[in-house]
């Protein structure tokens, strides 16, 4: 693919896809859908018969999320291999975008009577979002020089934050303007708006992004499995880099808990907090999500300053300790004000742990190796961690009937991750 690496219009078009697709994780994953799901399956009537078995509603959605990430973890190396092979990235990116967006629109039909349809749409929406990101991210080195990639990536993140918040606030306005069944109807319309927003605004990106190499050879069986071959090579090389191996082991453990908390936080707030009215619940949970996102920006800055002064690993050890305390405290959170305070602390460590974990991994990488393959291994590791974390969380929730027990158990992962971080050799540590 031959592309002008200084095409500002192309840069803007690429970053604009963040504006388009970031509504999915905020509206569907983090706020409106968990609210809607909790309203149609309230805590006093939360048993769902699915595939011949009876599940607690929150446990079922956690299992479905875990299975979706398992599919994504399997597809990611294949998709990465195709992207690296210089095939038609845009077509694949469009396919997953439309799959995700249309699934969001289809979630309008998610009712207690259409549970199978709703779960299917939720499942494919998640796969569509993460699948499109594989190709979206792979465009970055093709359209911008290395010294501009960090800035362009940050621009995309900022545009995504602004766009998603705008749609969330619009959805909140529509929902709070109604009551009862009409409010639930507005929640379902917010799913439709999410899909239309995602698919509609993505057209600007699709119009300007390069199509790829038209003369690229056909994708063969070897190409499909090339991604897995690369991951296997990375796995073998890890044994020769003790610091990197031990860090990745620690990351795998604590990342299970971090990602799980982020995915289930709203479900926990909806089910376990004593809101006085449905309107207060809706407003309170969305305010909490926005509060977490806002505080996360400051958390990332504070973490960055701390890592400069104390080092990456010591800072991560402190962050894991704070996460462990949060999980213990969450067990005793019952009223809104306690939930808001917890949300502030989650925001502080959420932004920091994600950015610092990735930058620490980057610093520990062997300078002579192919970083693309190593980061692909990192991404798959993170997704498998989500699968395990969500599955364990769902099982505890299902067996004990309490999300509090499940959240409390996540403390174990943070403590073990903290202890594993202590085992990373201190000599030659990147600061």
Protein backbone atom coordinates (compact mmCIF):
# COMPACT_ATOMS: atom_id res chain seq x y z
CA UNK A 1 0.00 0.00 0.00
CA UNK A 2 1.50 3.30 -1.11
CA UNK A 3 0.07 6.22 0.86
CA UNK A 4 1.09 9.82 1.47
CA UNK A 5 2.15 9.78 5.11
CA UNK A 6 1.52 13.51 5.49
CA UNK A 7 -2.05 13.65 4.23
CA UNK A 8 -3.84 15.61 6.97
CA UNK A 9 -7.24 14.97 5.40
CA UNK A 10 -6.57 11.23 5.57
CA UNK A 11 -5.44 11.55 9.19
CA UNK A 12 -8.67 13.29 10.09
CA UNK A 13 -10.72 10.64 8.29
CA UNK A 14 -8.93 7.88 10.19
CA UNK A 15 -9.39 9.58 13.57
CA UNK A 16 -13.04 10.22 12.74
CA UNK A 17 -13.77 6.50 12.97
CA UNK A 18 -13.19 6.85 16.70
CA UNK A 19 -15.97 9.44 16.73
CA UNK A 20 -18.14 6.88 14.93
CA UNK A 21 -17.50 3.68 16.88
CA UNK A 22 -16.81 4.91 20.43
CA UNK A 23 -20.54 5.20 21.04
CA UNK A 24 -20.68 1.40 21.23
CA UNK A 25 -18.49 0.86 24.34
CA UNK A 26 -20.03 3.82 26.14
CA UNK A 27 -23.74 3.43 25.31
CA UNK A 28 -23.99 -0.35 24.85
CA UNK A 29 -21.25 -1.82 27.03
CA UNK A 30 -21.09 0.68 29.88
CA UNK A 31 -24.33 2.57 30.40
CA UNK A 32 -27.70 2.32 28.64
CA UNK A 33 -27.77 -1.40 27.88
CA UNK A 34 -26.80 -2.52 31.42
CA UNK A 35 -29.53 -0.18 32.70
CA UNK A 36 -32.11 -1.58 30.30
CA UNK A 37 -31.07 -5.15 31.04
CA UNK A 38 -31.49 -4.52 34.76
CA UNK A 39 -34.94 -3.00 34.28
CA UNK A 40 -36.31 -5.89 32.21
CA UNK A 41 -34.70 -8.46 34.53
CA UNK A 42 -34.92 -6.87 38.00
CA UNK A 43 -33.19 -8.41 41.00
CA UNK A 44 -36.42 -9.92 42.33
CA UNK A 45 -37.13 -11.58 38.96
CA UNK A 46 -33.73 -12.20 37.41
CA UNK A 47 -33.87 -15.89 36.45
CA UNK A 48 -33.58 -16.57 32.70
CA UNK A 49 -34.05 -19.89 30.97
CA UNK A 50 -31.50 -20.01 28.16
CA UNK A 51 -30.49 -23.07 26.10
CA UNK A 52 -32.35 -25.32 28.53
CA UNK A 53 -30.60 -24.03 31.65
CA UNK A 54 -31.63 -21.44 34.23
CA UNK A 55 -29.25 -18.53 34.75
CA UNK A 56 -29.15 -15.47 36.96
CA UNK A 57 -29.51 -12.59 34.48
CA UNK A 58 -26.21 -10.89 35.30
CA UNK A 59 -24.39 -14.22 35.21
CA UNK A 60 -25.83 -14.99 31.77
CA UNK A 61 -24.73 -11.68 30.26
CA UNK A 62 -21.26 -12.21 31.77
CA UNK A 63 -21.03 -15.68 30.23
CA UNK A 64 -22.11 -14.32 26.84
CA UNK A 65 -19.51 -11.56 27.10
CA UNK A 66 -16.82 -14.10 27.99
CA UNK A 67 -17.74 -16.28 25.01
CA UNK A 68 -17.74 -13.27 22.66
CA UNK A 69 -14.24 -12.33 23.79
CA UNK A 70 -13.16 -15.94 23.31
CA UNK A 71 -14.27 -15.68 19.68
CA UNK A 72 -12.49 -12.33 19.35
CA UNK A 73 -9.30 -13.76 20.88
CA UNK A 74 -9.40 -16.56 18.29
CA UNK A 75 -10.20 -14.24 15.38
CA UNK A 76 -7.68 -11.52 16.23
CA UNK A 77 -4.54 -13.39 15.08
CA UNK A 78 -6.32 -14.45 11.89
CA UNK A 79 -7.53 -10.93 11.18
CA UNK A 80 -4.12 -9.46 12.02
CA UNK A 81 -2.49 -11.92 9.65
CA UNK A 82 -4.81 -10.86 6.85
CA UNK A 83 -4.21 -7.17 7.59
CA UNK A 84 -0.44 -7.66 7.56
CA UNK A 85 -0.75 -9.50 4.26
CA UNK A 86 -1.90 -6.21 2.69
CA UNK A 87 -5.29 -7.48 1.71
CA UNK A 88 -8.31 -5.20 1.43
CA UNK A 89 -8.40 -3.85 4.96
CA UNK A 90 -11.27 -1.52 4.22
CA UNK A 91 -13.63 -4.32 3.21
CA UNK A 92 -12.94 -6.27 6.39
CA UNK A 93 -13.23 -3.13 8.49
CA UNK A 94 -16.55 -2.31 6.82
CA UNK A 95 -17.85 -5.85 7.37
CA UNK A 96 -17.24 -5.77 11.13
CA UNK A 97 -18.47 -2.18 11.40
CA UNK A 98 -21.77 -3.08 9.73
CA UNK A 99 -22.03 -6.30 11.73
CA UNK A 100 -21.67 -4.35 14.98
CA UNK A 101 -23.86 -1.40 13.97
CA UNK A 102 -26.69 -3.53 12.61
CA UNK A 103 -26.52 -5.68 15.75
CA UNK A 104 -26.98 -2.51 17.84
CA UNK A 105 -30.04 -1.61 15.76
CA UNK A 106 -31.30 -5.18 16.13
CA UNK A 107 -31.11 -4.84 19.91
CA UNK A 108 -34.26 -2.72 19.67
CA UNK A 109 -36.01 -6.10 19.64
CA UNK A 110 -34.33 -7.21 22.88
CA UNK A 111 -37.30 -7.93 25.16
CA UNK A 112 -37.97 -10.64 27.77
CA UNK A 113 -40.02 -12.41 25.09
CA UNK A 114 -37.16 -12.24 22.54
CA UNK A 115 -34.24 -13.18 24.75
CA UNK A 116 -32.48 -15.30 22.11
CA UNK A 117 -32.63 -12.54 19.52
CA UNK A 118 -31.41 -9.97 22.04
CA UNK A 119 -28.49 -12.08 23.25
CA UNK A 120 -27.50 -12.85 19.65
CA UNK A 121 -27.45 -9.16 18.74
CA UNK A 122 -25.47 -8.31 21.89
CA UNK A 123 -22.99 -11.07 21.04
CA UNK A 124 -22.43 -9.99 17.44
CA UNK A 125 -22.31 -6.32 18.40
CA UNK A 126 -19.33 -7.02 20.62
CA UNK A 127 -17.58 -9.05 17.93
CA UNK A 128 -18.28 -6.36 15.33
CA UNK A 129 -16.77 -3.64 17.50
CA UNK A 130 -13.57 -5.49 18.38
CA UNK A 131 -13.21 -6.99 14.91
CA UNK A 132 -13.34 -3.59 13.23
CA UNK A 133 -10.72 -2.26 15.66
CA UNK A 134 -8.18 -4.80 14.40
CA UNK A 135 -8.24 -3.27 10.93
CA UNK A 136 -8.74 0.29 12.12
CA UNK A 137 -5.61 0.13 14.27
CA UNK A 138 -3.62 -1.56 11.50
CA UNK A 139 -4.15 1.50 9.29
CA UNK A 140 -2.19 3.79 11.62
CA UNK A 141 1.37 2.92 10.48
CA UNK A 142 0.17 2.99 6.85
CA UNK A 143 -1.07 6.57 6.94
CA UNK A 144 1.20 8.42 9.39
CA UNK A 145 4.95 8.55 10.14
CA UNK A 146 6.14 7.21 13.49
CA UNK A 147 6.63 10.64 15.03
CA UNK A 148 2.98 11.51 14.34
CA UNK A 149 1.32 8.23 15.32
CA UNK A 150 1.02 8.94 19.07
CA UNK A 151 -0.51 12.34 18.39
CA UNK A 152 -2.92 10.98 15.78
CA UNK A 153 -3.95 8.11 18.04
CA UNK A 154 -4.63 10.58 20.87
CA UNK A 155 -6.68 12.72 18.48
CA UNK A 156 -8.84 9.70 17.62
CA UNK A 157 -9.31 8.90 21.31
CA UNK A 158 -10.34 12.50 22.04
CA UNK A 159 -12.82 12.57 19.15
CA UNK A 160 -14.27 9.27 20.31
CA UNK A 161 -14.72 10.56 23.86
CA UNK A 162 -16.50 13.72 22.69
CA UNK A 163 -18.77 11.92 20.21
CA UNK A 164 -19.76 9.14 22.58
CA UNK A 165 -20.51 11.55 25.43
CA UNK A 166 -22.70 13.67 23.15
CA UNK A 167 -24.80 10.65 22.13
CA UNK A 168 -24.97 9.43 25.73
CA UNK A 169 -26.25 12.81 26.93
CA UNK A 170 -28.80 12.90 24.09
CA UNK A 171 -29.96 9.40 25.06
CA UNK A 172 -30.18 10.43 28.71
CA UNK A 173 -32.35 13.42 27.76
CA UNK A 174 -34.71 11.18 25.77
CA UNK A 175 -34.94 8.58 28.54
CA UNK A 176 -35.52 11.02 31.39
CA UNK A 177 -38.25 12.79 29.41
CA UNK A 178 -40.38 9.64 29.78
CA UNK A 179 -41.43 7.31 32.57
CA UNK A 180 -42.09 3.60 32.95
CA UNK A 181 -42.52 1.63 29.73
CA UNK A 182 -41.97 4.75 27.63
CA UNK A 183 -38.55 5.26 29.26
CA UNK A 184 -37.65 1.65 28.41
CA UNK A 185 -38.77 2.33 24.85
CA UNK A 186 -36.38 5.30 24.70
CA UNK A 187 -33.57 3.05 25.91
CA UNK A 188 -34.28 0.69 23.03
CA UNK A 189 -34.25 3.64 20.63
CA UNK A 190 -30.82 4.61 22.02
CA UNK A 191 -29.55 1.24 20.74
CA UNK A 192 -30.88 2.14 17.29
CA UNK A 193 -29.29 5.60 17.46
CA UNK A 194 -25.98 3.99 18.44
CA UNK A 195 -26.01 1.74 15.38
CA UNK A 196 -27.02 4.56 13.03
CA UNK A 197 -24.40 6.91 14.50
CA UNK A 198 -21.67 4.26 14.22
CA UNK A 199 -22.51 3.17 10.68
CA UNK A 200 -23.38 6.66 9.43
CA UNK A 201 -20.34 8.59 10.60
CA UNK A 202 -18.05 5.70 9.59
CA UNK A 203 -18.85 6.49 5.95
CA UNK A 204 -16.56 9.53 6.05
CA UNK A 205 -13.67 7.32 7.15
CA UNK A 206 -14.48 4.63 4.60
CA UNK A 207 -14.63 7.20 1.80
CA UNK A 208 -11.10 8.48 2.45
CA UNK A 209 -9.22 5.45 3.80
CA UNK A 210 -7.11 3.66 1.16
CA UNK A 211 -8.50 0.40 -0.13
CA UNK A 212 -5.25 -1.51 0.16
CA UNK A 213 -3.12 -3.31 -2.37
CA UNK A 214 -5.30 -4.24 -5.33
CA UNK A 215 -2.62 -6.60 -6.62
CA UNK A 216 -2.26 -8.50 -3.36
CA UNK A 217 -2.31 -12.28 -3.84
CA UNK A 218 -5.25 -14.33 -2.63
CA UNK A 219 -5.52 -15.14 1.04
CA UNK A 220 -4.44 -18.75 1.45
CA UNK A 221 -4.68 -21.21 4.31
CA UNK A 222 -1.09 -20.40 5.31
CA UNK A 223 -1.91 -16.71 5.54
CA UNK A 224 -4.95 -17.40 7.72
CA UNK A 225 -2.85 -19.26 10.27
CA UNK A 226 0.19 -17.02 10.00
CA UNK A 227 -0.98 -14.94 12.96
CA UNK A 228 -0.96 -18.00 15.23
CA UNK A 229 2.51 -18.93 13.99
CA UNK A 230 3.73 -15.47 14.93
CA UNK A 231 2.20 -15.78 18.39
CA UNK A 232 3.91 -19.11 18.89
CA UNK A 233 7.25 -17.55 17.96
CA UNK A 234 6.71 -14.79 20.49
CA UNK A 235 5.81 -17.34 23.17
CA UNK A 236 9.09 -19.18 22.60
CA UNK A 237 11.09 -15.94 22.70
CA UNK A 238 9.55 -14.90 26.02
CA UNK A 239 11.49 -17.62 27.84
CA UNK A 240 14.73 -15.86 26.86
CA UNK A 241 13.56 -12.52 28.30
CA UNK A 242 12.85 -13.14 32.00
CA UNK A 243 11.77 -9.60 32.84
CA UNK A 244 9.28 -9.48 29.97
CA UNK A 245 7.98 -12.99 30.74
CA UNK A 246 7.37 -12.25 34.42
CA UNK A 247 5.78 -8.91 33.65
CA UNK A 248 3.41 -10.44 31.11
CA UNK A 249 2.47 -13.15 33.63
CA UNK A 250 1.62 -10.50 36.23
CA UNK A 251 -0.30 -8.47 33.65
CA UNK A 252 -2.32 -11.51 32.61
CA UNK A 253 -3.43 -12.09 36.20
CA UNK A 254 -4.36 -8.57 37.28
CA UNK A 255 -5.79 -7.68 33.85
CA UNK A 256 -8.42 -10.40 34.36
CA UNK A 257 -9.79 -8.42 37.28
CA UNK A 258 -9.34 -4.93 35.79
CA UNK A 259 -11.24 -5.69 32.61
CA UNK A 260 -13.93 -7.63 34.47
CA UNK A 261 -14.61 -4.73 36.86
CA UNK A 262 -14.87 -2.33 33.93
CA UNK A 263 -17.33 -4.59 32.11
CA UNK A 264 -19.60 -5.32 35.08
CA UNK A 265 -19.48 -2.05 37.05
CA UNK A 266 -22.79 -0.72 35.73
CA UNK A 267 -24.56 -4.05 36.24
CA UNK A 268 -23.32 -4.01 39.84
CA UNK A 269 -24.55 -0.45 40.36
CA UNK A 270 -27.93 -1.25 38.82
CA UNK A 271 -28.50 -4.40 40.87
CA UNK A 272 -26.81 -3.79 44.20
CA UNK A 273 -27.28 -0.09 44.99
CA UNK A 274 -30.41 1.13 46.80
CA UNK A 275 -31.65 3.81 44.40
CA UNK A 276 -34.81 5.58 45.57
CA UNK A 277 -36.45 5.78 42.12
CA UNK A 278 -35.90 4.45 38.61
CA UNK A 279 -35.14 8.00 37.44
CA UNK A 280 -32.47 8.39 40.12
CA UNK A 281 -31.00 5.04 39.10
CA UNK A 282 -30.78 6.02 35.43
CA UNK A 283 -29.31 9.45 36.13
CA UNK A 284 -27.01 8.21 38.87
CA UNK A 285 -25.48 5.39 36.87
CA UNK A 286 -24.86 7.52 33.79
CA UNK A 287 -23.34 10.28 35.95
CA UNK A 288 -21.11 7.61 37.50
CA UNK A 289 -19.94 6.45 34.05
CA UNK A 290 -19.17 10.02 32.97
CA UNK A 291 -17.44 10.65 36.31
CA UNK A 292 -15.25 7.57 35.83
CA UNK A 293 -14.26 8.69 32.33
CA UNK A 294 -13.46 12.23 33.43
CA UNK A 295 -11.45 11.17 36.48
CA UNK A 296 -9.64 8.53 34.38
CA UNK A 297 -7.99 11.31 32.36
CA UNK A 298 -6.51 12.79 35.54
CA UNK A 299 -5.69 9.31 36.79
CA UNK A 300 -3.63 8.62 33.68
CA UNK A 301 -1.72 11.91 34.15
CA UNK A 302 -1.06 11.22 37.84
CA UNK A 303 0.08 7.68 37.04
CA UNK A 304 2.40 8.98 34.33
CA UNK A 305 4.03 11.42 36.78
CA UNK A 306 4.33 8.71 39.44
CA UNK A 307 5.97 6.27 37.02
CA UNK A 308 8.52 8.94 36.04
CA UNK A 309 9.47 9.45 39.67
CA UNK A 310 9.19 5.95 41.14
CA UNK A 311 9.40 3.63 38.13
CA UNK A 312 6.78 1.66 36.20
CA UNK A 313 6.67 -1.52 38.25
CA UNK A 314 6.51 0.13 41.71
CA UNK A 315 3.67 2.34 40.44
CA UNK A 316 1.80 -0.69 39.11
CA UNK A 317 2.24 -2.42 42.47
CA UNK A 318 0.59 0.53 44.25
CA UNK A 319 -2.22 0.66 41.66
CA UNK A 320 -2.94 -3.05 42.13
CA UNK A 321 -3.05 -2.54 45.90
CA UNK A 322 -5.60 0.26 45.42
CA UNK A 323 -7.67 -1.96 43.11
CA UNK A 324 -7.67 -4.70 45.75
CA UNK A 325 -8.92 -2.24 48.39
CA UNK A 326 -11.65 -1.02 46.00
CA UNK A 327 -12.93 -4.57 45.49
CA UNK A 328 -13.05 -5.16 49.25
CA UNK A 329 -14.84 -1.84 49.84
CA UNK A 330 -17.30 -2.51 47.00
CA UNK A 331 -18.66 -5.44 49.01
CA UNK A 332 -19.94 -2.91 51.56
CA UNK A 333 -21.29 -0.32 49.10
CA UNK A 334 -25.08 -0.01 49.32
CA UNK A 335 -26.14 3.62 48.84
CA UNK A 336 -25.61 6.03 45.90
CA UNK A 337 -23.11 8.34 47.62
CA UNK A 338 -20.88 5.34 48.39
CA UNK A 339 -21.16 4.25 44.77
CA UNK A 340 -20.14 7.72 43.54
CA UNK A 341 -17.08 7.75 45.80
CA UNK A 342 -16.13 4.27 44.60
CA UNK A 343 -16.55 5.47 40.99
CA UNK A 344 -14.03 8.27 41.61
CA UNK A 345 -11.40 5.83 42.86
CA UNK A 346 -12.13 3.40 40.01
CA UNK A 347 -11.61 6.25 37.53
CA UNK A 348 -8.29 7.21 39.13
CA UNK A 349 -6.79 3.74 38.78
CA UNK A 350 -8.63 2.67 35.61
CA UNK A 351 -7.02 5.25 33.33
CA UNK A 352 -3.63 4.71 34.93
CA UNK A 353 -3.44 0.93 34.91
CA UNK A 354 -4.36 0.60 31.23
CA UNK A 355 -1.96 3.22 29.89
CA UNK A 356 0.90 2.24 32.20
CA UNK A 357 0.50 -1.49 31.57
CA UNK A 358 0.84 -1.03 27.82
CA UNK A 359 3.73 1.44 28.02
CA UNK A 360 5.59 -0.81 30.50
CA UNK A 361 5.23 -3.75 28.14
CA UNK A 362 6.52 -1.58 25.32
CA UNK A 363 9.59 -0.55 27.35
CA UNK A 364 10.40 -4.13 28.29
CA UNK A 365 10.34 -5.39 24.70
CA UNK A 366 13.62 -6.55 23.12
CA UNK A 367 14.80 -3.73 20.88
CA UNK A 368 15.81 -6.05 18.05
CA UNK A 369 12.52 -7.93 17.74
CA UNK A 370 9.36 -7.34 15.70
CA UNK A 371 7.17 -5.28 18.04
CA UNK A 372 4.01 -5.90 15.99
CA UNK A 373 4.00 -9.60 16.82
CA UNK A 374 4.71 -8.89 20.49
CA UNK A 375 1.80 -6.45 20.72
CA UNK A 376 -0.47 -8.94 18.99
CA UNK A 377 0.52 -11.42 21.71
CA UNK A 378 -0.22 -8.75 24.33
CA UNK A 379 -3.69 -8.10 22.90
CA UNK A 380 -4.58 -11.79 22.77
CA UNK A 381 -3.28 -12.23 26.33
CA UNK A 382 -5.53 -9.41 27.49
CA UNK A 383 -8.60 -10.86 25.74
CA UNK A 384 -8.05 -14.36 27.11
CA UNK A 385 -7.73 -12.76 30.53
CA UNK A 386 -11.13 -11.15 30.00
CA UNK A 387 -12.60 -14.53 29.07
CA UNK A 388 -11.29 -16.18 32.23
CA UNK A 389 -12.13 -13.23 34.48
CA UNK A 390 -15.69 -12.89 33.20
CA UNK A 391 -16.27 -16.65 33.34
CA UNK A 392 -15.11 -16.86 36.97
CA UNK A 393 -17.11 -13.77 37.89
CA UNK A 394 -20.25 -15.17 36.21
CA UNK A 395 -19.85 -18.54 37.93
CA UNK A 396 -19.55 -17.00 41.41
CA UNK A 397 -22.51 -14.72 40.67
CA UNK A 398 -24.54 -17.69 39.44
CA UNK A 399 -23.65 -20.09 42.28
CA UNK A 400 -23.84 -17.65 45.19
CA UNK A 401 -26.56 -15.42 43.73
CA UNK A 402 -24.60 -12.28 44.62
CA UNK A 403 -22.49 -9.91 42.52
CA UNK A 404 -20.92 -8.70 45.76
CA UNK A 405 -19.28 -12.07 46.31
CA UNK A 406 -18.01 -12.07 42.72
CA UNK A 407 -16.52 -8.56 43.03
CA UNK A 408 -14.96 -9.45 46.38
CA UNK A 409 -13.32 -12.53 44.88
CA UNK A 410 -11.57 -10.38 42.24
CA UNK A 411 -9.40 -9.11 45.09
CA UNK A 412 -7.48 -12.38 44.79
CA UNK A 413 -6.37 -11.55 41.24
CA UNK A 414 -5.11 -8.11 42.24
CA UNK A 415 -3.19 -9.48 45.21
CA UNK A 416 -1.62 -12.27 43.14
CA UNK A 417 -0.82 -9.81 40.36
CA UNK A 418 0.79 -7.51 42.91
CA UNK A 419 2.95 -10.34 44.27
CA UNK A 420 3.97 -11.35 40.74
CA UNK A 421 5.03 -7.77 40.00
CA UNK A 422 7.45 -8.00 42.94
CA UNK A 423 9.14 -10.94 41.16
CA UNK A 424 10.13 -8.84 38.13
CA UNK A 425 13.93 -8.36 38.15
CA UNK A 426 14.82 -4.80 39.18
CA UNK A 427 18.10 -4.64 37.32
CA UNK A 428 17.89 -2.71 34.04
CA UNK A 429 14.28 -1.81 34.75
CA UNK A 430 12.84 0.75 32.35
CA UNK A 431 11.67 3.86 34.18
